[in-house]
Amino acid sequence: MPRPRMSRRVCRQPPAGFYKPQGVPLGSLRGLTLTLDGFEAIRLADAAGLDHETAAASMGISRPTFSRLLAEARGTVARALVNGWAIRIEGGNYEMAEAVDLSGRGRHRRRGGGPPWLE
């Protein structure tokens, strides 16, 4: 029997839970689901620019697990974009965590500070 999956820490909900191509009726769209932990992996690695080790620690998972999660999430987004499908962000094995300061201010600073789009 496989061991149960550990919950991944997610700092916040996405601003929107659904994305679709503009001008295409929802009834005629095929959709994919991006898990909330996959969304968090993309947010940390691509939007925040964190290295895999730091991002994995933020989510409370190992670096190899983070890399697999990120690759799966990127694949989901890529398939949806290339095929013109909708993306629903929901589910996954996660727990909400208190927000982590990634801006570079505070006790543990990142070199160069954080990107301007981080809140």
PDB file of N, CA and C in Angstrom:
ATOM      1  N   MET A   1       0.844  -1.176   0.000  1.00  0.00           N
ATOM      2  CA  MET A   1       0.000   0.000   0.000  1.00  0.00           C
ATOM      3  C   MET A   1       0.894   1.244   0.000  1.00  0.00           C
ATOM      4  N   PRO A   2       0.662   2.186  -0.936  1.00  0.00           N
ATOM      5  CA  PRO A   2       1.510   3.381  -0.979  1.00  0.00           C
ATOM      6  C   PRO A   2       1.269   4.279   0.228  1.00  0.00           C
ATOM      7  N   ARG A   3       2.294   5.014   0.559  1.00  0.00           N
ATOM      8  CA  ARG A   3       2.141   5.920   1.697  1.00  0.00           C
ATOM      9  C   ARG A   3       1.286   7.110   1.267  1.00  0.00           C
ATOM     10  N   PRO A   4       0.528   7.689   2.197  1.00  0.00           N
ATOM     11  CA  PRO A   4      -0.339   8.820   1.844  1.00  0.00           C
ATOM     12  C   PRO A   4       0.481  10.049   1.448  1.00  0.00           C
ATOM     13  N   ARG A   5      -0.073  10.838   0.531  1.00  0.00           N
ATOM     14  CA  ARG A   5       0.600  12.050   0.075  1.00  0.00           C
ATOM     15  C   ARG A   5       0.615  13.105   1.164  1.00  0.00           C
ATOM     16  N   MET A   6       1.721  13.838   1.236  1.00  0.00           N
ATOM     17  CA  MET A   6       1.812  14.959   2.168  1.00  0.00           C
ATOM     18  C   MET A   6       1.102  16.156   1.545  1.00  0.00           C
ATOM     19  N   SER A   7       0.481  16.954   2.379  1.00  0.00           N
ATOM     20  CA  SER A   7      -0.149  18.177   1.892  1.00  0.00           C
ATOM     21  C   SER A   7       0.920  19.190   1.530  1.00  0.00           C
ATOM     22  N   ARG A   8       0.659  19.940   0.466  1.00  0.00           N
ATOM     23  CA  ARG A   8       1.578  20.992   0.045  1.00  0.00           C
ATOM     24  C   ARG A   8       1.055  22.325   0.542  1.00  0.00           C
ATOM     25  N   ARG A   9       1.928  23.190   1.027  1.00  0.00           N
ATOM     26  CA  ARG A   9       1.501  24.505   1.526  1.00  0.00           C
ATOM     27  C   ARG A   9       1.266  25.458   0.361  1.00  0.00           C
ATOM     28  N   VAL A  10       0.133  26.113   0.382  1.00  0.00           N
ATOM     29  CA  VAL A  10      -0.226  27.106  -0.625  1.00  0.00           C
ATOM     30  C   VAL A  10      -0.478  28.409   0.113  1.00  0.00           C
ATOM     31  N   CYS A  11       0.131  29.507  -0.358  1.00  0.00           N
ATOM     32  CA  CYS A  11       0.036  30.791   0.345  1.00  0.00           C
ATOM     33  C   CYS A  11      -1.283  31.512   0.114  1.00  0.00           C
ATOM     34  N   ARG A  12      -1.847  31.416  -1.089  1.00  0.00           N
ATOM     35  CA  ARG A  12      -3.096  32.138  -1.348  1.00  0.00           C
ATOM     36  C   ARG A  12      -3.845  31.520  -2.518  1.00  0.00           C
ATOM     37  N   GLN A  13      -5.107  31.842  -2.582  1.00  0.00           N
ATOM     38  CA  GLN A  13      -5.952  31.402  -3.696  1.00  0.00           C
ATOM     39  C   GLN A  13      -5.593  32.220  -4.941  1.00  0.00           C
ATOM     40  N   PRO A  14      -5.774  31.670  -6.144  1.00  0.00           N
ATOM     41  CA  PRO A  14      -5.522  32.462  -7.345  1.00  0.00           C
ATOM     42  C   PRO A  14      -6.565  33.568  -7.490  1.00  0.00           C
ATOM     43  N   PRO A  15      -6.237  34.642  -8.211  1.00  0.00           N
ATOM     44  CA  PRO A  15      -7.194  35.743  -8.377  1.00  0.00           C
ATOM     45  C   PRO A  15      -8.442  35.332  -9.139  1.00  0.00           C
ATOM     46  N   ALA A  16      -8.331  34.319  -9.982  1.00  0.00           N
ATOM     47  CA  ALA A  16      -9.484  33.790 -10.721  1.00  0.00           C
ATOM     48  C   ALA A  16      -9.342  32.278 -10.744  1.00  0.00           C
ATOM     49  N   GLY A  17     -10.450  31.581 -10.680  1.00  0.00           N
ATOM     50  CA  GLY A  17     -10.406  30.121 -10.663  1.00  0.00           C
ATOM     51  C   GLY A  17     -10.653  29.492 -12.011  1.00  0.00           C
ATOM     52  N   PHE A  18     -10.832  30.331 -13.052  1.00  0.00           N
ATOM     53  CA  PHE A  18     -11.166  29.800 -14.365  1.00  0.00           C
ATOM     54  C   PHE A  18     -10.650  30.742 -15.436  1.00  0.00           C
ATOM     55  N   TYR A  19     -10.026  30.195 -16.463  1.00  0.00           N
ATOM     56  CA  TYR A  19      -9.554  30.967 -17.604  1.00  0.00           C
ATOM     57  C   TYR A  19     -10.025  30.284 -18.874  1.00  0.00           C
ATOM     58  N   LYS A  20     -10.444  31.094 -19.855  1.00  0.00           N
ATOM     59  CA  LYS A  20     -10.880  30.529 -21.127  1.00  0.00           C
ATOM     60  C   LYS A  20     -10.484  31.466 -22.250  1.00  0.00           C
ATOM     61  N   PRO A  21     -10.399  30.937 -23.475  1.00  0.00           N
ATOM     62  CA  PRO A  21     -10.084  31.796 -24.609  1.00  0.00           C
ATOM     63  C   PRO A  21     -11.194  32.815 -24.835  1.00  0.00           C
ATOM     64  N   GLN A  22     -10.801  34.018 -25.186  1.00  0.00           N
ATOM     65  CA  GLN A  22     -11.760  35.093 -25.420  1.00  0.00           C
ATOM     66  C   GLN A  22     -12.559  34.809 -26.699  1.00  0.00           C
ATOM     67  N   GLY A  23     -13.854  35.084 -26.646  1.00  0.00           N
ATOM     68  CA  GLY A  23     -14.703  34.969 -27.821  1.00  0.00           C
ATOM     69  C   GLY A  23     -15.184  33.571 -28.140  1.00  0.00           C
ATOM     70  N   VAL A  24     -14.846  32.603 -27.330  1.00  0.00           N
ATOM     71  CA  VAL A  24     -15.288  31.225 -27.561  1.00  0.00           C
ATOM     72  C   VAL A  24     -16.344  30.888 -26.513  1.00  0.00           C
ATOM     73  N   PRO A  25     -17.542  30.448 -26.945  1.00  0.00           N
ATOM     74  CA  PRO A  25     -18.575  30.099 -25.968  1.00  0.00           C
ATOM     75  C   PRO A  25     -18.122  28.964 -25.052  1.00  0.00           C
ATOM     76  N   LEU A  26     -18.434  29.103 -23.792  1.00  0.00           N
ATOM     77  CA  LEU A  26     -18.002  28.121 -22.793  1.00  0.00           C
ATOM     78  C   LEU A  26     -18.533  26.730 -23.099  1.00  0.00           C
ATOM     79  N   GLY A  27     -19.742  26.641 -23.625  1.00  0.00           N
ATOM     80  CA  GLY A  27     -20.341  25.336 -23.911  1.00  0.00           C
ATOM     81  C   GLY A  27     -19.587  24.528 -24.945  1.00  0.00           C
ATOM     82  N   SER A  28     -18.831  25.188 -25.810  1.00  0.00           N
ATOM     83  CA  SER A  28     -18.112  24.467 -26.863  1.00  0.00           C
ATOM     84  C   SER A  28     -16.641  24.232 -26.521  1.00  0.00           C
ATOM     85  N   LEU A  29     -16.228  24.578 -25.308  1.00  0.00           N
ATOM     86  CA  LEU A  29     -14.828  24.438 -24.914  1.00  0.00           C
ATOM     87  C   LEU A  29     -14.550  23.138 -24.188  1.00  0.00           C
ATOM     88  N   ARG A  30     -13.407  22.578 -24.456  1.00  0.00           N
ATOM     89  CA  ARG A  30     -12.886  21.498 -23.639  1.00  0.00           C
ATOM     90  C   ARG A  30     -12.033  22.161 -22.559  1.00  0.00           C
ATOM     91  N   GLY A  31     -11.947  21.563 -21.402  1.00  0.00           N
ATOM     92  CA  GLY A  31     -11.189  22.174 -20.323  1.00  0.00           C
ATOM     93  C   GLY A  31     -10.266  21.203 -19.635  1.00  0.00           C
ATOM     94  N   LEU A  32      -9.265  21.750 -18.986  1.00  0.00           N
ATOM     95  CA  LEU A  32      -8.329  20.993 -18.163  1.00  0.00           C
ATOM     96  C   LEU A  32      -8.346  21.575 -16.761  1.00  0.00           C
ATOM     97  N   THR A  33      -7.970  20.757 -15.800  1.00  0.00           N
ATOM     98  CA  THR A  33      -7.893  21.218 -14.417  1.00  0.00           C
ATOM     99  C   THR A  33      -6.436  21.336 -14.003  1.00  0.00           C
ATOM    100  N   LEU A  34      -6.085  22.515 -13.525  1.00  0.00           N
ATOM    101  CA  LEU A  34      -4.776  22.777 -12.931  1.00  0.00           C
ATOM    102  C   LEU A  34      -5.001  22.769 -11.426  1.00  0.00           C
ATOM    103  N   THR A  35      -4.303  21.891 -10.725  1.00  0.00           N
ATOM    104  CA  THR A  35      -4.493  21.819  -9.280  1.00  0.00           C
ATOM    105  C   THR A  35      -3.944  23.078  -8.621  1.00  0.00           C
ATOM    106  N   LEU A  36      -4.460  23.384  -7.450  1.00  0.00           N
ATOM    107  CA  LEU A  36      -4.026  24.582  -6.732  1.00  0.00           C
ATOM    108  C   LEU A  36      -2.555  24.473  -6.319  1.00  0.00           C
ATOM    109  N   ASP A  37      -2.095  23.275  -6.001  1.00  0.00           N
ATOM    110  CA  ASP A  37      -0.677  23.129  -5.670  1.00  0.00           C
ATOM    111  C   ASP A  37       0.191  23.281  -6.926  1.00  0.00           C
ATOM    112  N   GLY A  38      -0.309  22.881  -8.084  1.00  0.00           N
ATOM    113  CA  GLY A  38       0.399  23.123  -9.338  1.00  0.00           C
ATOM    114  C   GLY A  38       0.460  24.600  -9.669  1.00  0.00           C
ATOM    115  N   PHE A  39      -0.644  25.304  -9.425  1.00  0.00           N
ATOM    116  CA  PHE A  39      -0.680  26.757  -9.617  1.00  0.00           C
ATOM    117  C   PHE A  39       0.352  27.435  -8.722  1.00  0.00           C
ATOM    118  N   GLU A  40       0.432  27.000  -7.472  1.00  0.00           N
ATOM    119  CA  GLU A  40       1.399  27.572  -6.524  1.00  0.00           C
ATOM    120  C   GLU A  40       2.828  27.312  -6.993  1.00  0.00           C
ATOM    121  N   ALA A  41       3.090  26.123  -7.541  1.00  0.00           N
ATOM    122  CA  ALA A  41       4.430  25.811  -8.045  1.00  0.00           C
ATOM    123  C   ALA A  41       4.801  26.751  -9.191  1.00  0.00           C
ATOM    124  N   ILE A  42       3.872  26.996 -10.116  1.00  0.00           N
ATOM    125  CA  ILE A  42       4.131  27.919 -11.218  1.00  0.00           C
ATOM    126  C   ILE A  42       4.333  29.335 -10.686  1.00  0.00           C
ATOM    127  N   ARG A  43       3.524  29.733  -9.725  1.00  0.00           N
ATOM    128  CA  ARG A  43       3.645  31.071  -9.150  1.00  0.00           C
ATOM    129  C   ARG A  43       5.021  31.281  -8.525  1.00  0.00           C
ATOM    130  N   LEU A  44       5.474  30.300  -7.744  1.00  0.00           N
ATOM    131  CA  LEU A  44       6.752  30.438  -7.059  1.00  0.00           C
ATOM    132  C   LEU A  44       7.934  30.382  -8.019  1.00  0.00           C
ATOM    133  N   ALA A  45       7.909  29.443  -8.967  1.00  0.00           N
ATOM    134  CA  ALA A  45       9.053  29.269  -9.863  1.00  0.00           C
ATOM    135  C   ALA A  45       9.093  30.316 -10.966  1.00  0.00           C
ATOM    136  N   ASP A  46       7.956  30.596 -11.594  1.00  0.00           N
ATOM    137  CA  ASP A  46       7.958  31.463 -12.769  1.00  0.00           C
ATOM    138  C   ASP A  46       7.632  32.915 -12.447  1.00  0.00           C
ATOM    139  N   ALA A  47       6.614  33.161 -11.650  1.00  0.00           N
ATOM    140  CA  ALA A  47       6.240  34.545 -11.341  1.00  0.00           C
ATOM    141  C   ALA A  47       7.167  35.153 -10.292  1.00  0.00           C
ATOM    142  N   ALA A  48       7.511  34.388  -9.261  1.00  0.00           N
ATOM    143  CA  ALA A  48       8.374  34.906  -8.202  1.00  0.00           C
ATOM    144  C   ALA A  48       9.854  34.701  -8.504  1.00  0.00           C
ATOM    145  N   GLY A  49      10.168  33.802  -9.443  1.00  0.00           N
ATOM    146  CA  GLY A  49      11.555  33.581  -9.823  1.00  0.00           C
ATOM    147  C   GLY A  49      12.391  32.856  -8.795  1.00  0.00           C
ATOM    148  N   LEU A  50      11.757  32.077  -7.930  1.00  0.00           N
ATOM    149  CA  LEU A  50      12.513  31.343  -6.910  1.00  0.00           C
ATOM    150  C   LEU A  50      13.170  30.111  -7.522  1.00  0.00           C
ATOM    151  N   ASP A  51      14.303  29.713  -6.966  1.00  0.00           N
ATOM    152  CA  ASP A  51      14.914  28.454  -7.390  1.00  0.00           C
ATOM    153  C   ASP A  51      14.088  27.308  -6.799  1.00  0.00           C
ATOM    154  N   HIS A  52      14.259  26.118  -7.346  1.00  0.00           N
ATOM    155  CA  HIS A  52      13.432  24.978  -6.935  1.00  0.00           C
ATOM    156  C   HIS A  52      13.592  24.631  -5.466  1.00  0.00           C
ATOM    157  N   GLU A  53      14.794  24.759  -4.952  1.00  0.00           N
ATOM    158  CA  GLU A  53      15.039  24.411  -3.541  1.00  0.00           C
ATOM    159  C   GLU A  53      14.252  25.334  -2.607  1.00  0.00           C
ATOM    160  N   THR A  54      14.298  26.636  -2.866  1.00  0.00           N
ATOM    161  CA  THR A  54      13.593  27.608  -2.034  1.00  0.00           C
ATOM    162  C   THR A  54      12.084  27.455  -2.170  1.00  0.00           C
ATOM    163  N   ALA A  55      11.618  27.278  -3.395  1.00  0.00           N
ATOM    164  CA  ALA A  55      10.181  27.120  -3.636  1.00  0.00           C
ATOM    165  C   ALA A  55       9.654  25.847  -2.978  1.00  0.00           C
ATOM    166  N   ALA A  56      10.426  24.767  -3.061  1.00  0.00           N
ATOM    167  CA  ALA A  56      10.018  23.507  -2.437  1.00  0.00           C
ATOM    168  C   ALA A  56       9.913  23.671  -0.924  1.00  0.00           C
ATOM    169  N   ALA A  57      10.871  24.368  -0.328  1.00  0.00           N
ATOM    170  CA  ALA A  57      10.829  24.600   1.117  1.00  0.00           C
ATOM    171  C   ALA A  57       9.603  25.431   1.486  1.00  0.00           C
ATOM    172  N   SER A  58       9.255  26.397   0.652  1.00  0.00           N
ATOM    173  CA  SER A  58       8.084  27.224   0.903  1.00  0.00           C
ATOM    174  C   SER A  58       6.798  26.399   0.890  1.00  0.00           C
ATOM    175  N   MET A  59       6.765  25.379   0.027  1.00  0.00           N
ATOM    176  CA  MET A  59       5.575  24.525  -0.070  1.00  0.00           C
ATOM    177  C   MET A  59       5.620  23.341   0.897  1.00  0.00           C
ATOM    178  N   GLY A  60       6.755  23.134   1.556  1.00  0.00           N
ATOM    179  CA  GLY A  60       6.875  22.036   2.510  1.00  0.00           C
ATOM    180  C   GLY A  60       7.041  20.674   1.854  1.00  0.00           C
ATOM    181  N   ILE A  61       7.673  20.646   0.673  1.00  0.00           N
ATOM    182  CA  ILE A  61       7.889  19.394  -0.047  1.00  0.00           C
ATOM    183  C   ILE A  61       9.351  19.314  -0.471  1.00  0.00           C
ATOM    184  N   SER A  62       9.763  18.149  -0.967  1.00  0.00           N
ATOM    185  CA  SER A  62      11.148  17.983  -1.406  1.00  0.00           C
ATOM    186  C   SER A  62      11.356  18.654  -2.762  1.00  0.00           C
ATOM    187  N   ARG A  63      12.620  18.919  -3.093  1.00  0.00           N
ATOM    188  CA  ARG A  63      12.925  19.538  -4.374  1.00  0.00           C
ATOM    189  C   ARG A  63      12.529  18.659  -5.558  1.00  0.00           C
ATOM    190  N   PRO A  64      12.792  17.337  -5.535  1.00  0.00           N
ATOM    191  CA  PRO A  64      12.339  16.505  -6.658  1.00  0.00           C
ATOM    192  C   PRO A  64      10.810  16.495  -6.809  1.00  0.00           C
ATOM    193  N   THR A  65      10.093  16.495  -5.694  1.00  0.00           N
ATOM    194  CA  THR A  65       8.627  16.538  -5.760  1.00  0.00           C
ATOM    195  C   THR A  65       8.180  17.859  -6.358  1.00  0.00           C
ATOM    196  N   PHE A  66       8.816  18.955  -5.953  1.00  0.00           N
ATOM    197  CA  PHE A  66       8.482  20.258  -6.513  1.00  0.00           C
ATOM    198  C   PHE A  66       8.719  20.272  -8.020  1.00  0.00           C
ATOM    199  N   SER A  67       9.851  19.726  -8.464  1.00  0.00           N
ATOM    200  CA  SER A  67      10.169  19.703  -9.892  1.00  0.00           C
ATOM    201  C   SER A  67       9.140  18.904 -10.682  1.00  0.00           C
ATOM    202  N   ARG A  68       8.707  17.772 -10.150  1.00  0.00           N
ATOM    203  CA  ARG A  68       7.676  16.970 -10.824  1.00  0.00           C
ATOM    204  C   ARG A  68       6.355  17.720 -10.872  1.00  0.00           C
ATOM    205  N   LEU A  69       5.976  18.341  -9.770  1.00  0.00           N
ATOM    206  CA  LEU A  69       4.737  19.102  -9.694  1.00  0.00           C
ATOM    207  C   LEU A  69       4.759  20.264 -10.679  1.00  0.00           C
ATOM    208  N   LEU A  70       5.873  20.974 -10.763  1.00  0.00           N
ATOM    209  CA  LEU A  70       6.017  22.097 -11.676  1.00  0.00           C
ATOM    210  C   LEU A  70       5.941  21.638 -13.134  1.00  0.00           C
ATOM    211  N   ALA A  71       6.603  20.545 -13.469  1.00  0.00           N
ATOM    212  CA  ALA A  71       6.577  20.030 -14.843  1.00  0.00           C
ATOM    213  C   ALA A  71       5.157  19.632 -15.245  1.00  0.00           C
ATOM    214  N   GLU A  72       4.433  18.989 -14.333  1.00  0.00           N
ATOM    215  CA  GLU A  72       3.057  18.591 -14.611  1.00  0.00           C
ATOM    216  C   GLU A  72       2.164  19.821 -14.805  1.00  0.00           C
ATOM    217  N   ALA A  73       2.324  20.831 -13.965  1.00  0.00           N
ATOM    218  CA  ALA A  73       1.514  22.045 -14.061  1.00  0.00           C
ATOM    219  C   ALA A  73       1.818  22.812 -15.349  1.00  0.00           C
ATOM    220  N   ARG A  74       3.088  22.930 -15.684  1.00  0.00           N
ATOM    221  CA  ARG A  74       3.465  23.611 -16.929  1.00  0.00           C
ATOM    222  C   ARG A  74       2.908  22.870 -18.136  1.00  0.00           C
ATOM    223  N   GLY A  75       2.930  21.544 -18.098  1.00  0.00           N
ATOM    224  CA  GLY A  75       2.368  20.748 -19.193  1.00  0.00           C
ATOM    225  C   GLY A  75       0.877  20.984 -19.353  1.00  0.00           C
ATOM    226  N   THR A  76       0.163  21.066 -18.235  1.00  0.00           N
ATOM    227  CA  THR A  76      -1.271  21.329 -18.270  1.00  0.00           C
ATOM    228  C   THR A  76      -1.564  22.684 -18.899  1.00  0.00           C
ATOM    229  N   VAL A  77      -0.841  23.708 -18.472  1.00  0.00           N
ATOM    230  CA  VAL A  77      -1.038  25.057 -19.018  1.00  0.00           C
ATOM    231  C   VAL A  77      -0.679  25.087 -20.500  1.00  0.00           C
ATOM    232  N   ALA A  78       0.411  24.447 -20.874  1.00  0.00           N
ATOM    233  CA  ALA A  78       0.839  24.431 -22.277  1.00  0.00           C
ATOM    234  C   ALA A  78      -0.200  23.745 -23.166  1.00  0.00           C
ATOM    235  N   ARG A  79      -0.714  22.584 -22.722  1.00  0.00           N
ATOM    236  CA  ARG A  79      -1.739  21.888 -23.518  1.00  0.00           C
ATOM    237  C   ARG A  79      -2.977  22.751 -23.699  1.00  0.00           C
ATOM    238  N   ALA A  80      -3.385  23.434 -22.645  1.00  0.00           N
ATOM    239  CA  ALA A  80      -4.574  24.283 -22.729  1.00  0.00           C
ATOM    240  C   ALA A  80      -4.338  25.457 -23.677  1.00  0.00           C
ATOM    241  N   LEU A  81      -3.197  26.099 -23.597  1.00  0.00           N
ATOM    242  CA  LEU A  81      -2.907  27.248 -24.460  1.00  0.00           C
ATOM    243  C   LEU A  81      -2.798  26.840 -25.928  1.00  0.00           C
ATOM    244  N   VAL A  82      -2.076  25.763 -26.194  1.00  0.00           N
ATOM    245  CA  VAL A  82      -1.866  25.316 -27.571  1.00  0.00           C
ATOM    246  C   VAL A  82      -3.169  24.871 -28.231  1.00  0.00           C
ATOM    247  N   ASN A  83      -4.041  24.241 -27.456  1.00  0.00           N
ATOM    248  CA  ASN A  83      -5.281  23.703 -28.020  1.00  0.00           C
ATOM    249  C   ASN A  83      -6.478  24.640 -27.864  1.00  0.00           C
ATOM    250  N   GLY A  84      -6.311  25.776 -27.196  1.00  0.00           N
ATOM    251  CA  GLY A  84      -7.417  26.703 -27.004  1.00  0.00           C
ATOM    252  C   GLY A  84      -8.460  26.189 -26.029  1.00  0.00           C
ATOM    253  N   TRP A  85      -8.016  25.496 -24.995  1.00  0.00           N
ATOM    254  CA  TRP A  85      -8.921  24.937 -23.999  1.00  0.00           C
ATOM    255  C   TRP A  85      -9.007  25.855 -22.781  1.00  0.00           C
ATOM    256  N   ALA A  86     -10.036  25.634 -21.987  1.00  0.00           N
ATOM    257  CA  ALA A  86     -10.210  26.380 -20.738  1.00  0.00           C
ATOM    258  C   ALA A  86      -9.359  25.740 -19.637  1.00  0.00           C
ATOM    259  N   ILE A  87      -9.012  26.531 -18.640  1.00  0.00           N
ATOM    260  CA  ILE A  87      -8.243  26.032 -17.485  1.00  0.00           C
ATOM    261  C   ILE A  87      -9.035  26.351 -16.221  1.00  0.00           C
ATOM    262  N   ARG A  88      -9.354  25.309 -15.464  1.00  0.00           N
ATOM    263  CA  ARG A  88     -10.011  25.463 -14.166  1.00  0.00           C
ATOM    264  C   ARG A  88      -8.961  25.194 -13.095  1.00  0.00           C
ATOM    265  N   ILE A  89      -8.851  26.093 -12.128  1.00  0.00           N
ATOM    266  CA  ILE A  89      -7.870  25.928 -11.054  1.00  0.00           C
ATOM    267  C   ILE A  89      -8.618  25.505  -9.798  1.00  0.00           C
ATOM    268  N   GLU A  90      -8.424  24.248  -9.409  1.00  0.00           N
ATOM    269  CA  GLU A  90      -9.100  23.724  -8.224  1.00  0.00           C
ATOM    270  C   GLU A  90      -8.473  22.402  -7.818  1.00  0.00           C
ATOM    271  N   GLY A  91      -8.751  22.001  -6.601  1.00  0.00           N
ATOM    272  CA  GLY A  91      -8.346  20.692  -6.112  1.00  0.00           C
ATOM    273  C   GLY A  91      -6.864  20.583  -5.828  1.00  0.00           C
ATOM    274  N   GLY A  92      -6.426  19.358  -5.697  1.00  0.00           N
ATOM    275  CA  GLY A  92      -5.035  19.082  -5.358  1.00  0.00           C
ATOM    276  C   GLY A  92      -4.918  18.736  -3.887  1.00  0.00           C
ATOM    277  N   ASN A  93      -3.731  18.360  -3.496  1.00  0.00           N
ATOM    278  CA  ASN A  93      -3.454  17.963  -2.124  1.00  0.00           C
ATOM    279  C   ASN A  93      -2.706  19.101  -1.443  1.00  0.00           C
ATOM    280  N   TYR A  94      -3.450  20.022  -0.831  1.00  0.00           N
ATOM    281  CA  TYR A  94      -2.829  21.222  -0.292  1.00  0.00           C
ATOM    282  C   TYR A  94      -3.475  21.636   1.020  1.00  0.00           C
ATOM    283  N   GLU A  95      -2.778  22.537   1.705  1.00  0.00           N
ATOM    284  CA  GLU A  95      -3.315  23.206   2.892  1.00  0.00           C
ATOM    285  C   GLU A  95      -2.923  24.668   2.785  1.00  0.00           C
ATOM    286  N   MET A  96      -3.804  25.543   3.201  1.00  0.00           N
ATOM    287  CA  MET A  96      -3.506  26.973   3.141  1.00  0.00           C
ATOM    288  C   MET A  96      -2.518  27.314   4.252  1.00  0.00           C
ATOM    289  N   ALA A  97      -1.538  28.112   3.921  1.00  0.00           N
ATOM    290  CA  ALA A  97      -0.507  28.508   4.878  1.00  0.00           C
ATOM    291  C   ALA A  97      -0.522  30.015   5.022  1.00  0.00           C
ATOM    292  N   GLU A  98       0.095  30.487   6.068  1.00  0.00           N
ATOM    293  CA  GLU A  98       0.253  31.929   6.220  1.00  0.00           C
ATOM    294  C   GLU A  98       1.168  32.415   5.112  1.00  0.00           C
ATOM    295  N   ALA A  99       0.946  33.624   4.653  1.00  0.00           N
ATOM    296  CA  ALA A  99       1.739  34.181   3.562  1.00  0.00           C
ATOM    297  C   ALA A  99       3.209  34.252   3.962  1.00  0.00           C
ATOM    298  N   VAL A 100       4.073  33.904   3.032  1.00  0.00           N
ATOM    299  CA  VAL A 100       5.511  33.950   3.245  1.00  0.00           C
ATOM    300  C   VAL A 100       6.036  35.185   2.538  1.00  0.00           C
ATOM    301  N   ASP A 101       6.882  35.967   3.212  1.00  0.00           N
ATOM    302  CA  ASP A 101       7.432  37.180   2.626  1.00  0.00           C
ATOM    303  C   ASP A 101       8.560  36.809   1.669  1.00  0.00           C
ATOM    304  N   LEU A 102       8.316  36.954   0.361  1.00  0.00           N
ATOM    305  CA  LEU A 102       9.324  36.652  -0.648  1.00  0.00           C
ATOM    306  C   LEU A 102       9.863  37.927  -1.282  1.00  0.00           C
ATOM    307  N   SER A 103       9.568  39.063  -0.694  1.00  0.00           N
ATOM    308  CA  SER A 103       9.923  40.339  -1.307  1.00  0.00           C
ATOM    309  C   SER A 103      11.378  40.726  -1.087  1.00  0.00           C
ATOM    310  N   GLY A 104      12.081  39.997  -0.239  1.00  0.00           N
ATOM    311  CA  GLY A 104      13.470  40.337   0.027  1.00  0.00           C
ATOM    312  C   GLY A 104      13.623  41.212   1.249  1.00  0.00           C
ATOM    313  N   ARG A 105      12.513  41.654   1.845  1.00  0.00           N
ATOM    314  CA  ARG A 105      12.587  42.455   3.062  1.00  0.00           C
ATOM    315  C   ARG A 105      12.455  41.510   4.252  1.00  0.00           C
ATOM    316  N   GLY A 106      13.049  41.876   5.344  1.00  0.00           N
ATOM    317  CA  GLY A 106      12.934  41.056   6.539  1.00  0.00           C
ATOM    318  C   GLY A 106      14.251  40.412   6.886  1.00  0.00           C
ATOM    319  N   ARG A 107      14.178  39.413   7.747  1.00  0.00           N
ATOM    320  CA  ARG A 107      15.379  38.804   8.291  1.00  0.00           C
ATOM    321  C   ARG A 107      16.190  38.042   7.246  1.00  0.00           C
ATOM    322  N   HIS A 108      15.538  37.273   6.409  1.00  0.00           N
ATOM    323  CA  HIS A 108      16.232  36.462   5.408  1.00  0.00           C
ATOM    324  C   HIS A 108      16.028  37.110   4.044  1.00  0.00           C
ATOM    325  N   ARG A 109      17.030  37.832   3.579  1.00  0.00           N
ATOM    326  CA  ARG A 109      16.896  38.563   2.318  1.00  0.00           C
ATOM    327  C   ARG A 109      17.389  37.725   1.148  1.00  0.00           C
ATOM    328  N   ARG A 110      16.666  37.858   0.035  1.00  0.00           N
ATOM    329  CA  ARG A 110      17.145  37.304  -1.227  1.00  0.00           C
ATOM    330  C   ARG A 110      17.958  38.389  -1.911  1.00  0.00           C
ATOM    331  N   ARG A 111      19.017  38.012  -2.601  1.00  0.00           N
ATOM    332  CA  ARG A 111      19.808  39.009  -3.327  1.00  0.00           C
ATOM    333  C   ARG A 111      18.968  39.689  -4.370  1.00  0.00           C
ATOM    334  N   GLY A 112      18.981  41.018  -4.388  1.00  0.00           N
ATOM    335  CA  GLY A 112      18.277  41.770  -5.404  1.00  0.00           C
ATOM    336  C   GLY A 112      16.823  42.014  -5.068  1.00  0.00           C
ATOM    337  N   GLY A 113      16.323  41.496  -3.966  1.00  0.00           N
ATOM    338  CA  GLY A 113      14.917  41.705  -3.610  1.00  0.00           C
ATOM    339  C   GLY A 113      14.001  40.888  -4.502  1.00  0.00           C
ATOM    340  N   GLY A 114      12.732  41.064  -4.336  1.00  0.00           N
ATOM    341  CA  GLY A 114      11.750  40.306  -5.106  1.00  0.00           C
ATOM    342  C   GLY A 114      11.255  41.082  -6.305  1.00  0.00           C
ATOM    343  N   PRO A 115      10.592  40.393  -7.212  1.00  0.00           N
ATOM    344  CA  PRO A 115      10.019  41.060  -8.371  1.00  0.00           C
ATOM    345  C   PRO A 115       8.904  42.014  -7.958  1.00  0.00           C
ATOM    346  N   PRO A 116       8.666  43.057  -8.745  1.00  0.00           N
ATOM    347  CA  PRO A 116       7.678  44.071  -8.356  1.00  0.00           C
ATOM    348  C   PRO A 116       6.227  43.568  -8.334  1.00  0.00           C
ATOM    349  N   TRP A 117       5.939  42.465  -9.007  1.00  0.00           N
ATOM    350  CA  TRP A 117       4.549  41.999  -9.055  1.00  0.00           C
ATOM    351  C   TRP A 117       4.158  41.175  -7.843  1.00  0.00           C
ATOM    352  N   LEU A 118       5.088  40.879  -6.953  1.00  0.00           N
ATOM    353  CA  LEU A 118       4.735  40.148  -5.736  1.00  0.00           C
ATOM    354  C   LEU A 118       4.119  41.092  -4.735  1.00  0.00           C
ATOM    355  N   GLU A 119       3.111  40.618  -4.056  1.00  0.00           N
ATOM    356  CA  GLU A 119       2.460  41.448  -3.051  1.00  0.00           C
ATOM    357  C   GLU A 119       3.086  41.221  -1.700  1.00  0.00           C
TER     358      GLU A 119
END
